[in-house]
Amino acid sequence: MPKKIDILISEDLDFLEKNLRKLSGRLKQDRIKTLIYIKKGEYSYQSDIAKKLGRGEKTIRTWIQVLLIQVS
């Protein structure tokens, strides 16, 4: 069963989008896009974000786990 995303992104959406435009490199851009998708509520499941970005679901799960550790 897909894992539903249940986290709060504290960064402002404008801040995230501005940083997305500044970044070069697909990895960094995809990480910011993940935050934007979660913040906007566009996707409820990690598998949906993984498909959208062309990444593995485990990759998205790892990124989200790292975020949760950094916030704690």
C-alpha atoms as a PDB file:
ATOM      1  CA  MET A   1       0.000   0.000   0.000  1.00  0.00           C
ATOM      2  CA  PRO A   2       1.373   3.443  -0.881  1.00  0.00           C
ATOM      3  CA  LYS A   3       2.595   5.587   1.977  1.00  0.00           C
ATOM      4  CA  LYS A   4       0.519   8.729   2.490  1.00  0.00           C
ATOM      5  CA  ILE A   5       2.477  11.907   3.133  1.00  0.00           C
ATOM      6  CA  ASP A   6       1.611  13.537   6.439  1.00  0.00           C
ATOM      7  CA  ILE A   7       4.154  16.277   7.117  1.00  0.00           C
ATOM      8  CA  LEU A   8       4.038  20.037   7.354  1.00  0.00           C
ATOM      9  CA  ILE A   9       6.468  22.057   5.237  1.00  0.00           C
ATOM     10  CA  SER A  10       7.287  25.231   7.161  1.00  0.00           C
ATOM     11  CA  GLU A  11       8.975  27.074   4.284  1.00  0.00           C
ATOM     12  CA  ASP A  12       6.900  29.580   2.344  1.00  0.00           C
ATOM     13  CA  LEU A  13       5.854  28.504  -1.156  1.00  0.00           C
ATOM     14  CA  ASP A  14       7.375  31.640  -2.719  1.00  0.00           C
ATOM     15  CA  PHE A  15      10.680  30.879  -0.982  1.00  0.00           C
ATOM     16  CA  LEU A  16      10.701  27.323  -2.341  1.00  0.00           C
ATOM     17  CA  GLU A  17       9.839  28.391  -5.887  1.00  0.00           C
ATOM     18  CA  LYS A  18      12.484  31.128  -5.839  1.00  0.00           C
ATOM     19  CA  ASN A  19      15.125  28.626  -4.722  1.00  0.00           C
ATOM     20  CA  LEU A  20      14.000  26.172  -7.393  1.00  0.00           C
ATOM     21  CA  ARG A  21      14.730  28.743 -10.100  1.00  0.00           C
ATOM     22  CA  LYS A  22      18.204  29.424  -8.662  1.00  0.00           C
ATOM     23  CA  LEU A  23      19.304  25.795  -8.494  1.00  0.00           C
ATOM     24  CA  SER A  24      21.110  23.894 -11.180  1.00  0.00           C
ATOM     25  CA  GLY A  25      21.228  20.137 -11.232  1.00  0.00           C
ATOM     26  CA  ARG A  26      18.288  17.797 -11.441  1.00  0.00           C
ATOM     27  CA  LEU A  27      18.802  16.200  -8.013  1.00  0.00           C
ATOM     28  CA  LYS A  28      18.547  19.473  -6.097  1.00  0.00           C
ATOM     29  CA  GLN A  29      15.647  20.658  -8.254  1.00  0.00           C
ATOM     30  CA  ASP A  30      13.728  17.431  -7.685  1.00  0.00           C
ATOM     31  CA  ARG A  31      14.190  17.709  -3.937  1.00  0.00           C
ATOM     32  CA  ILE A  32      12.743  21.224  -3.952  1.00  0.00           C
ATOM     33  CA  LYS A  33       9.928  20.104  -6.281  1.00  0.00           C
ATOM     34  CA  THR A  34       9.088  17.382  -3.755  1.00  0.00           C
ATOM     35  CA  LEU A  35       8.698  20.033  -1.062  1.00  0.00           C
ATOM     36  CA  ILE A  36       6.568  22.181  -3.367  1.00  0.00           C
ATOM     37  CA  TYR A  37       4.271  19.269  -4.264  1.00  0.00           C
ATOM     38  CA  ILE A  38       3.798  18.419  -0.592  1.00  0.00           C
ATOM     39  CA  LYS A  39       3.247  22.073   0.372  1.00  0.00           C
ATOM     40  CA  LYS A  40       0.652  22.579  -2.380  1.00  0.00           C
ATOM     41  CA  GLY A  41      -1.055  19.308  -1.536  1.00  0.00           C
ATOM     42  CA  GLU A  42      -0.872  18.261  -5.184  1.00  0.00           C
ATOM     43  CA  TYR A  43       0.136  14.712  -4.288  1.00  0.00           C
ATOM     44  CA  SER A  44      -0.882  12.668  -1.256  1.00  0.00           C
ATOM     45  CA  TYR A  45       1.374   9.678  -1.787  1.00  0.00           C
ATOM     46  CA  GLN A  46       5.117   9.236  -2.119  1.00  0.00           C
ATOM     47  CA  SER A  47       4.557   6.936  -5.098  1.00  0.00           C
ATOM     48  CA  ASP A  48       2.748   9.721  -6.986  1.00  0.00           C
ATOM     49  CA  ILE A  49       5.653  12.127  -6.486  1.00  0.00           C
ATOM     50  CA  ALA A  50       8.112   9.423  -7.505  1.00  0.00           C
ATOM     51  CA  LYS A  51       6.234   8.838 -10.766  1.00  0.00           C
ATOM     52  CA  LYS A  52       5.986  12.573 -11.471  1.00  0.00           C
ATOM     53  CA  LEU A  53       9.717  13.104 -10.979  1.00  0.00           C
ATOM     54  CA  GLY A  54      10.868   9.848 -12.547  1.00  0.00           C
ATOM     55  CA  ARG A  55      12.468   8.743  -9.288  1.00  0.00           C
ATOM     56  CA  GLY A  56      12.050   5.647  -7.160  1.00  0.00           C
ATOM     57  CA  GLU A  57       9.564   5.633  -4.324  1.00  0.00           C
ATOM     58  CA  LYS A  58      12.350   4.686  -1.915  1.00  0.00           C
ATOM     59  CA  THR A  59      14.261   7.808  -2.963  1.00  0.00           C
ATOM     60  CA  ILE A  60      11.288  10.053  -2.156  1.00  0.00           C
ATOM     61  CA  ARG A  61      10.755   8.238   1.147  1.00  0.00           C
ATOM     62  CA  THR A  62      14.415   8.783   2.064  1.00  0.00           C
ATOM     63  CA  TRP A  63      14.219  12.495   1.227  1.00  0.00           C
ATOM     64  CA  ILE A  64      11.120  12.868   3.407  1.00  0.00           C
ATOM     65  CA  GLN A  65      12.731  10.936   6.288  1.00  0.00           C
ATOM     66  CA  VAL A  66      15.772  13.220   6.121  1.00  0.00           C
ATOM     67  CA  LEU A  67      13.449  16.233   6.279  1.00  0.00           C
ATOM     68  CA  LEU A  68      11.739  14.851   9.361  1.00  0.00           C
ATOM     69  CA  ILE A  69      15.074  14.225  11.078  1.00  0.00           C
ATOM     70  CA  GLN A  70      16.290  17.748  10.296  1.00  0.00           C
ATOM     71  CA  VAL A  71      13.094  19.287  11.689  1.00  0.00           C
ATOM     72  CA  SER A  72      13.193  17.266  14.922  1.00  0.00           C
END
